[in-house]
């Protein structure tokens, strides 16, 4: 199950990011990397065609059997 922190819920709503995009970035990323500042976190990237091809970055970590989303945003500097 994918869970969201309060921060992630607020950022997704504020930024107009569809929850389905977040799920697809986690389940079928175009690219994935360990967060360089915190190795317990994963950055998953996915190109979102419905958002003019922008790259969505979802930062998440395992939470028991679940996945906890920390934040999500369109990463202007990321190229896939």
PDB file of N, CA and C in Angstrom:
ATOM      1  N   UNK A   1       0.842  -1.172   0.000  1.00  0.00           N
ATOM      2  CA  UNK A   1       0.000   0.000   0.000  1.00  0.00           C
ATOM      3  C   UNK A   1       0.895   1.245   0.000  1.00  0.00           C
ATOM      4  N   UNK A   2       0.494   2.240  -0.744  1.00  0.00           N
ATOM      5  CA  UNK A   2       1.219   3.505  -0.787  1.00  0.00           C
ATOM      6  C   UNK A   2       0.515   4.490   0.139  1.00  0.00           C
ATOM      7  N   UNK A   3       1.295   5.045   1.085  1.00  0.00           N
ATOM      8  CA  UNK A   3       0.784   6.027   2.033  1.00  0.00           C
ATOM      9  C   UNK A   3       1.490   7.355   1.787  1.00  0.00           C
ATOM     10  N   UNK A   4       0.831   8.444   2.160  1.00  0.00           N
ATOM     11  CA  UNK A   4       1.395   9.776   1.973  1.00  0.00           C
ATOM     12  C   UNK A   4       1.585  10.466   3.312  1.00  0.00           C
ATOM     13  N   UNK A   5       2.711  11.168   3.469  1.00  0.00           N
ATOM     14  CA  UNK A   5       2.861  12.036   4.629  1.00  0.00           C
ATOM     15  C   UNK A   5       1.926  13.228   4.438  1.00  0.00           C
ATOM     16  N   UNK A   6       1.689  13.966   5.496  1.00  0.00           N
ATOM     17  CA  UNK A   6       0.869  15.176   5.390  1.00  0.00           C
ATOM     18  C   UNK A   6       1.507  16.141   4.397  1.00  0.00           C
ATOM     19  N   UNK A   7       2.814  16.266   4.464  1.00  0.00           N
ATOM     20  CA  UNK A   7       3.526  17.141   3.527  1.00  0.00           C
ATOM     21  C   UNK A   7       3.273  16.703   2.079  1.00  0.00           C
ATOM     22  N   UNK A   8       3.389  15.417   1.814  1.00  0.00           N
ATOM     23  CA  UNK A   8       3.166  14.908   0.457  1.00  0.00           C
ATOM     24  C   UNK A   8       1.735  15.193  -0.003  1.00  0.00           C
ATOM     25  N   UNK A   9       0.770  14.969   0.859  1.00  0.00           N
ATOM     26  CA  UNK A   9      -0.630  15.259   0.506  1.00  0.00           C
ATOM     27  C   UNK A   9      -0.794  16.723   0.120  1.00  0.00           C
ATOM     28  N   UNK A  10      -0.215  17.625   0.918  1.00  0.00           N
ATOM     29  CA  UNK A  10      -0.334  19.058   0.648  1.00  0.00           C
ATOM     30  C   UNK A  10       0.363  19.452  -0.648  1.00  0.00           C
ATOM     31  N   UNK A  11       1.568  18.932  -0.875  1.00  0.00           N
ATOM     32  CA  UNK A  11       2.324  19.277  -2.076  1.00  0.00           C
ATOM     33  C   UNK A  11       1.662  18.745  -3.338  1.00  0.00           C
ATOM     34  N   UNK A  12       1.135  17.545  -3.272  1.00  0.00           N
ATOM     35  CA  UNK A  12       0.448  16.961  -4.423  1.00  0.00           C
ATOM     36  C   UNK A  12      -0.781  17.798  -4.777  1.00  0.00           C
ATOM     37  N   UNK A  13      -1.538  18.196  -3.765  1.00  0.00           N
ATOM     38  CA  UNK A  13      -2.726  19.029  -3.997  1.00  0.00           C
ATOM     39  C   UNK A  13      -2.328  20.406  -4.535  1.00  0.00           C
ATOM     40  N   UNK A  14      -1.341  21.039  -3.896  1.00  0.00           N
ATOM     41  CA  UNK A  14      -0.915  22.386  -4.298  1.00  0.00           C
ATOM     42  C   UNK A  14      -0.344  22.413  -5.708  1.00  0.00           C
ATOM     43  N   UNK A  15       0.331  21.349  -6.102  1.00  0.00           N
ATOM     44  CA  UNK A  15       1.021  21.312  -7.390  1.00  0.00           C
ATOM     45  C   UNK A  15       0.191  20.687  -8.503  1.00  0.00           C
ATOM     46  N   UNK A  16      -1.029  20.274  -8.187  1.00  0.00           N
ATOM     47  CA  UNK A  16      -1.902  19.697  -9.206  1.00  0.00           C
ATOM     48  C   UNK A  16      -1.406  18.368  -9.743  1.00  0.00           C
ATOM     49  N   UNK A  17      -0.788  17.583  -8.876  1.00  0.00           N
ATOM     50  CA  UNK A  17      -0.253  16.283  -9.270  1.00  0.00           C
ATOM     51  C   UNK A  17      -1.303  15.206  -8.985  1.00  0.00           C
ATOM     52  N   UNK A  18      -1.627  14.417  -9.978  1.00  0.00           N
ATOM     53  CA  UNK A  18      -2.604  13.340  -9.804  1.00  0.00           C
ATOM     54  C   UNK A  18      -1.977  12.199  -8.996  1.00  0.00           C
ATOM     55  N   UNK A  19      -2.743  11.638  -8.087  1.00  0.00           N
ATOM     56  CA  UNK A  19      -2.256  10.525  -7.279  1.00  0.00           C
ATOM     57  C   UNK A  19      -1.851   9.350  -8.172  1.00  0.00           C
ATOM     58  N   UNK A  20      -2.551   9.145  -9.260  1.00  0.00           N
ATOM     59  CA  UNK A  20      -2.211   8.058 -10.192  1.00  0.00           C
ATOM     60  C   UNK A  20      -0.809   8.252 -10.768  1.00  0.00           C
ATOM     61  N   UNK A  21      -0.381   9.494 -10.970  1.00  0.00           N
ATOM     62  CA  UNK A  21       0.964   9.756 -11.472  1.00  0.00           C
ATOM     63  C   UNK A  21       2.004   9.363 -10.428  1.00  0.00           C
ATOM     64  N   UNK A  22       1.713   9.664  -9.162  1.00  0.00           N
ATOM     65  CA  UNK A  22       2.615   9.302  -8.067  1.00  0.00           C
ATOM     66  C   UNK A  22       2.766   7.781  -8.009  1.00  0.00           C
ATOM     67  N   UNK A  23       1.645   7.089  -8.081  1.00  0.00           N
ATOM     68  CA  UNK A  23       1.658   5.621  -8.029  1.00  0.00           C
ATOM     69  C   UNK A  23       2.447   5.060  -9.205  1.00  0.00           C
ATOM     70  N   UNK A  24       2.224   5.596 -10.393  1.00  0.00           N
ATOM     71  CA  UNK A  24       2.937   5.073 -11.563  1.00  0.00           C
ATOM     72  C   UNK A  24       4.438   5.350 -11.478  1.00  0.00           C
ATOM     73  N   UNK A  25       4.827   6.478 -10.898  1.00  0.00           N
ATOM     74  CA  UNK A  25       6.251   6.779 -10.736  1.00  0.00           C
ATOM     75  C   UNK A  25       6.907   5.779  -9.794  1.00  0.00           C
ATOM     76  N   UNK A  26       6.191   5.345  -8.776  1.00  0.00           N
ATOM     77  CA  UNK A  26       6.740   4.377  -7.827  1.00  0.00           C
ATOM     78  C   UNK A  26       6.733   2.974  -8.417  1.00  0.00           C
ATOM     79  N   UNK A  27       5.631   2.589  -9.037  1.00  0.00           N
ATOM     80  CA  UNK A  27       5.490   1.214  -9.528  1.00  0.00           C
ATOM     81  C   UNK A  27       6.195   0.954 -10.854  1.00  0.00           C
ATOM     82  N   UNK A  28       6.309   1.973 -11.700  1.00  0.00           N
ATOM     83  CA  UNK A  28       6.930   1.788 -13.021  1.00  0.00           C
ATOM     84  C   UNK A  28       7.751   3.022 -13.383  1.00  0.00           C
ATOM     85  N   UNK A  29       8.802   3.297 -12.615  1.00  0.00           N
ATOM     86  CA  UNK A  29       9.594   4.508 -12.877  1.00  0.00           C
ATOM     87  C   UNK A  29      10.403   4.411 -14.173  1.00  0.00           C
ATOM     88  N   UNK A  30      10.653   5.571 -14.768  1.00  0.00           N
ATOM     89  CA  UNK A  30      11.573   5.631 -15.901  1.00  0.00           C
ATOM     90  C   UNK A  30      13.010   5.584 -15.393  1.00  0.00           C
ATOM     91  N   UNK A  31      13.205   6.055 -14.166  1.00  0.00           N
ATOM     92  CA  UNK A  31      14.512   6.059 -13.538  1.00  0.00           C
ATOM     93  C   UNK A  31      14.315   6.055 -12.023  1.00  0.00           C
ATOM     94  N   UNK A  32      15.313   5.513 -11.333  1.00  0.00           N
ATOM     95  CA  UNK A  32      15.245   5.449  -9.872  1.00  0.00           C
ATOM     96  C   UNK A  32      16.648   5.648  -9.320  1.00  0.00           C
ATOM     97  N   UNK A  33      16.768   6.363  -8.193  1.00  0.00           N
ATOM     98  CA  UNK A  33      18.081   6.597  -7.581  1.00  0.00           C
ATOM     99  C   UNK A  33      17.924   6.727  -6.072  1.00  0.00           C
ATOM    100  N   UNK A  34      18.988   6.393  -5.366  1.00  0.00           N
ATOM    101  CA  UNK A  34      19.025   6.599  -3.921  1.00  0.00           C
ATOM    102  C   UNK A  34      19.238   8.087  -3.677  1.00  0.00           C
ATOM    103  N   UNK A  35      18.533   8.651  -2.708  1.00  0.00           N
ATOM    104  CA  UNK A  35      18.696  10.056  -2.360  1.00  0.00           C
ATOM    105  C   UNK A  35      20.107  10.248  -1.805  1.00  0.00           C
ATOM    106  N   UNK A  36      20.901  11.165  -2.378  1.00  0.00           N
ATOM    107  CA  UNK A  36      22.286  11.319  -1.930  1.00  0.00           C
ATOM    108  C   UNK A  36      22.425  11.860  -0.506  1.00  0.00           C
ATOM    109  N   UNK A  37      21.416  12.547  -0.012  1.00  0.00           N
ATOM    110  CA  UNK A  37      21.485  13.090   1.353  1.00  0.00           C
ATOM    111  C   UNK A  37      20.961  12.124   2.396  1.00  0.00           C
ATOM    112  N   UNK A  38      20.110  11.183   1.963  1.00  0.00           N
ATOM    113  CA  UNK A  38      19.530  10.224   2.911  1.00  0.00           C
ATOM    114  C   UNK A  38      19.342   8.888   2.194  1.00  0.00           C
ATOM    115  N   UNK A  39      20.262   7.949   2.399  1.00  0.00           N
ATOM    116  CA  UNK A  39      20.192   6.683   1.673  1.00  0.00           C
ATOM    117  C   UNK A  39      18.980   5.811   2.006  1.00  0.00           C
ATOM    118  N   UNK A  40      18.201   6.191   3.016  1.00  0.00           N
ATOM    119  CA  UNK A  40      16.975   5.433   3.296  1.00  0.00           C
ATOM    120  C   UNK A  40      15.844   5.836   2.349  1.00  0.00           C
ATOM    121  N   UNK A  41      16.059   6.927   1.592  1.00  0.00           N
ATOM    122  CA  UNK A  41      15.038   7.428   0.670  1.00  0.00           C
ATOM    123  C   UNK A  41      15.379   7.069  -0.771  1.00  0.00           C
ATOM    124  N   UNK A  42      14.342   6.860  -1.559  1.00  0.00           N
ATOM    125  CA  UNK A  42      14.476   6.587  -2.983  1.00  0.00           C
ATOM    126  C   UNK A  42      13.802   7.703  -3.759  1.00  0.00           C
ATOM    127  N   UNK A  43      14.448   8.104  -4.838  1.00  0.00           N
ATOM    128  CA  UNK A  43      13.852   9.059  -5.776  1.00  0.00           C
ATOM    129  C   UNK A  43      13.414   8.276  -7.004  1.00  0.00           C
ATOM    130  N   UNK A  44      12.136   8.315  -7.312  1.00  0.00           N
ATOM    131  CA  UNK A  44      11.609   7.670  -8.516  1.00  0.00           C
ATOM    132  C   UNK A  44      11.165   8.758  -9.473  1.00  0.00           C
ATOM    133  N   UNK A  45      11.535   8.618 -10.735  1.00  0.00           N
ATOM    134  CA  UNK A  45      11.228   9.616 -11.757  1.00  0.00           C
ATOM    135  C   UNK A  45      10.369   8.992 -12.845  1.00  0.00           C
ATOM    136  N   UNK A  46       9.401   9.780 -13.316  1.00  0.00           N
ATOM    137  CA  UNK A  46       8.571   9.308 -14.424  1.00  0.00           C
ATOM    138  C   UNK A  46       8.147  10.500 -15.269  1.00  0.00           C
ATOM    139  N   UNK A  47       8.268  10.331 -16.577  1.00  0.00           N
ATOM    140  CA  UNK A  47       7.805  11.349 -17.524  1.00  0.00           C
ATOM    141  C   UNK A  47       6.287  11.255 -17.595  1.00  0.00           C
ATOM    142  N   UNK A  48       5.624  12.384 -17.384  1.00  0.00           N
ATOM    143  CA  UNK A  48       4.160  12.422 -17.363  1.00  0.00           C
ATOM    144  C   UNK A  48       3.662  13.117 -18.625  1.00  0.00           C
ATOM    145  N   UNK A  49       3.163  12.336 -19.567  1.00  0.00           N
ATOM    146  CA  UNK A  49       2.720  12.911 -20.844  1.00  0.00           C
ATOM    147  C   UNK A  49       1.540  13.861 -20.663  1.00  0.00           C
ATOM    148  N   UNK A  50       0.682  13.582 -19.691  1.00  0.00           N
ATOM    149  CA  UNK A  50      -0.485  14.442 -19.436  1.00  0.00           C
ATOM    150  C   UNK A  50      -0.086  15.795 -18.831  1.00  0.00           C
ATOM    151  N   UNK A  51       1.171  15.922 -18.428  1.00  0.00           N
ATOM    152  CA  UNK A  51       1.673  17.173 -17.853  1.00  0.00           C
ATOM    153  C   UNK A  51       2.755  17.751 -18.779  1.00  0.00           C
ATOM    154  N   UNK A  52       2.478  17.721 -20.068  1.00  0.00           N
ATOM    155  CA  UNK A  52       3.392  18.261 -21.083  1.00  0.00           C
ATOM    156  C   UNK A  52       4.766  17.608 -21.061  1.00  0.00           C
ATOM    157  N   UNK A  53       4.817  16.331 -20.667  1.00  0.00           N
ATOM    158  CA  UNK A  53       6.066  15.593 -20.690  1.00  0.00           C
ATOM    159  C   UNK A  53       7.036  15.942 -19.572  1.00  0.00           C
ATOM    160  N   UNK A  54       6.555  16.672 -18.569  1.00  0.00           N
ATOM    161  CA  UNK A  54       7.441  17.017 -17.447  1.00  0.00           C
ATOM    162  C   UNK A  54       7.797  15.762 -16.645  1.00  0.00           C
ATOM    163  N   UNK A  55       8.915  15.833 -15.920  1.00  0.00           N
ATOM    164  CA  UNK A  55       9.420  14.710 -15.146  1.00  0.00           C
ATOM    165  C   UNK A  55       8.980  14.850 -13.692  1.00  0.00           C
ATOM    166  N   UNK A  56       8.244  13.865 -13.225  1.00  0.00           N
ATOM    167  CA  UNK A  56       7.784  13.843 -11.844  1.00  0.00           C
ATOM    168  C   UNK A  56       8.816  13.121 -10.977  1.00  0.00           C
ATOM    169  N   UNK A  57       9.223  13.771  -9.888  1.00  0.00           N
ATOM    170  CA  UNK A  57      10.099  13.120  -8.901  1.00  0.00           C
ATOM    171  C   UNK A  57       9.251  12.798  -7.682  1.00  0.00           C
ATOM    172  N   UNK A  58       9.275  11.540  -7.264  1.00  0.00           N
ATOM    173  CA  UNK A  58       8.585  11.099  -6.059  1.00  0.00           C
ATOM    174  C   UNK A  58       9.642  10.565  -5.100  1.00  0.00           C
ATOM    175  N   UNK A  59       9.696  11.144  -3.913  1.00  0.00           N
ATOM    176  CA  UNK A  59      10.646  10.711  -2.890  1.00  0.00           C
ATOM    177  C   UNK A  59       9.874   9.839  -1.903  1.00  0.00           C
ATOM    178  N   UNK A  60      10.393   8.624  -1.677  1.00  0.00           N
ATOM    179  CA  UNK A  60       9.661   7.678  -0.837  1.00  0.00           C
ATOM    180  C   UNK A  60      10.618   6.750  -0.112  1.00  0.00           C
ATOM    181  N   UNK A  61      10.062   5.995   0.834  1.00  0.00           N
ATOM    182  CA  UNK A  61      10.855   5.005   1.569  1.00  0.00           C
ATOM    183  C   UNK A  61       9.938   3.877   2.004  1.00  0.00           C
ATOM    184  N   UNK A  62      10.519   2.720   2.288  1.00  0.00           N
ATOM    185  CA  UNK A  62       9.703   1.623   2.821  1.00  0.00           C
ATOM    186  C   UNK A  62       9.184   1.996   4.207  1.00  0.00           C
ATOM    187  N   UNK A  63       8.005   1.525   4.504  1.00  0.00           N
ATOM    188  CA  UNK A  63       7.398   1.724   5.822  1.00  0.00           C
ATOM    189  C   UNK A  63       6.726   0.407   6.189  1.00  0.00           C
ATOM    190  N   UNK A  64       7.526  -0.531   6.689  1.00  0.00           N
ATOM    191  CA  UNK A  64       7.017  -1.888   6.902  1.00  0.00           C
ATOM    192  C   UNK A  64       6.733  -2.496   5.545  1.00  0.00           C
ATOM    193  N   UNK A  65       5.523  -3.009   5.374  1.00  0.00           N
ATOM    194  CA  UNK A  65       5.116  -3.591   4.094  1.00  0.00           C
ATOM    195  C   UNK A  65       4.615  -2.523   3.122  1.00  0.00           C
ATOM    196  N   UNK A  66       4.528  -1.286   3.590  1.00  0.00           N
ATOM    197  CA  UNK A  66       3.996  -0.188   2.785  1.00  0.00           C
ATOM    198  C   UNK A  66       5.122   0.662   2.208  1.00  0.00           C
ATOM    199  N   UNK A  67       4.736   1.627   1.380  1.00  0.00           N
ATOM    200  CA  UNK A  67       5.657   2.638   0.862  1.00  0.00           C
ATOM    201  C   UNK A  67       5.121   3.984   1.326  1.00  0.00           C
ATOM    202  N   UNK A  68       5.990   4.772   1.961  1.00  0.00           N
ATOM    203  CA  UNK A  68       5.614   6.086   2.458  1.00  0.00           C
ATOM    204  C   UNK A  68       6.185   7.148   1.527  1.00  0.00           C
ATOM    205  N   UNK A  69       5.307   7.950   0.929  1.00  0.00           N
ATOM    206  CA  UNK A  69       5.719   9.032   0.044  1.00  0.00           C
ATOM    207  C   UNK A  69       6.009  10.257   0.900  1.00  0.00           C
ATOM    208  N   UNK A  70       7.214  10.799   0.744  1.00  0.00           N
ATOM    209  CA  UNK A  70       7.644  11.970   1.494  1.00  0.00           C
ATOM    210  C   UNK A  70       7.233  13.250   0.774  1.00  0.00           C
ATOM    211  N   UNK A  71       7.478  13.303  -0.535  1.00  0.00           N
ATOM    212  CA  UNK A  71       7.096  14.461  -1.338  1.00  0.00           C
ATOM    213  C   UNK A  71       7.056  14.070  -2.807  1.00  0.00           C
ATOM    214  N   UNK A  72       6.484  14.947  -3.616  1.00  0.00           N
ATOM    215  CA  UNK A  72       6.435  14.751  -5.068  1.00  0.00           C
ATOM    216  C   UNK A  72       6.403  16.118  -5.727  1.00  0.00           C
ATOM    217  N   UNK A  73       7.152  16.243  -6.811  1.00  0.00           N
ATOM    218  CA  UNK A  73       7.172  17.512  -7.539  1.00  0.00           C
ATOM    219  C   UNK A  73       7.734  17.286  -8.934  1.00  0.00           C
ATOM    220  N   UNK A  74       7.472  18.252  -9.818  1.00  0.00           N
ATOM    221  CA  UNK A  74       8.032  18.195 -11.158  1.00  0.00           C
ATOM    222  C   UNK A  74       9.450  18.745 -11.093  1.00  0.00           C
ATOM    223  N   UNK A  75      10.406  17.922 -11.498  1.00  0.00           N
ATOM    224  CA  UNK A  75      11.826  18.234 -11.402  1.00  0.00           C
ATOM    225  C   UNK A  75      12.284  18.895 -12.700  1.00  0.00           C
ATOM    226  N   UNK A  76      12.455  20.189 -12.662  1.00  0.00           N
ATOM    227  CA  UNK A  76      12.809  20.943 -13.872  1.00  0.00           C
ATOM    228  C   UNK A  76      14.188  20.603 -14.397  1.00  0.00           C
ATOM    229  N   UNK A  77      15.100  20.174 -13.530  1.00  0.00           N
ATOM    230  CA  UNK A  77      16.461  19.904 -13.950  1.00  0.00           C
ATOM    231  C   UNK A  77      16.715  18.485 -14.420  1.00  0.00           C
ATOM    232  N   UNK A  78      15.768  17.593 -14.217  1.00  0.00           N
ATOM    233  CA  UNK A  78      15.962  16.178 -14.550  1.00  0.00           C
ATOM    234  C   UNK A  78      15.696  15.932 -16.025  1.00  0.00           C
ATOM    235  N   UNK A  79      16.603  15.201 -16.652  1.00  0.00           N
ATOM    236  CA  UNK A  79      16.443  14.773 -18.047  1.00  0.00           C
ATOM    237  C   UNK A  79      16.483  13.254 -18.075  1.00  0.00           C
ATOM    238  N   UNK A  80      15.548  12.664 -18.784  1.00  0.00           N
ATOM    239  CA  UNK A  80      15.515  11.209 -18.920  1.00  0.00           C
ATOM    240  C   UNK A  80      15.954  10.787 -20.305  1.00  0.00           C
TER     241      UNK A  80
END
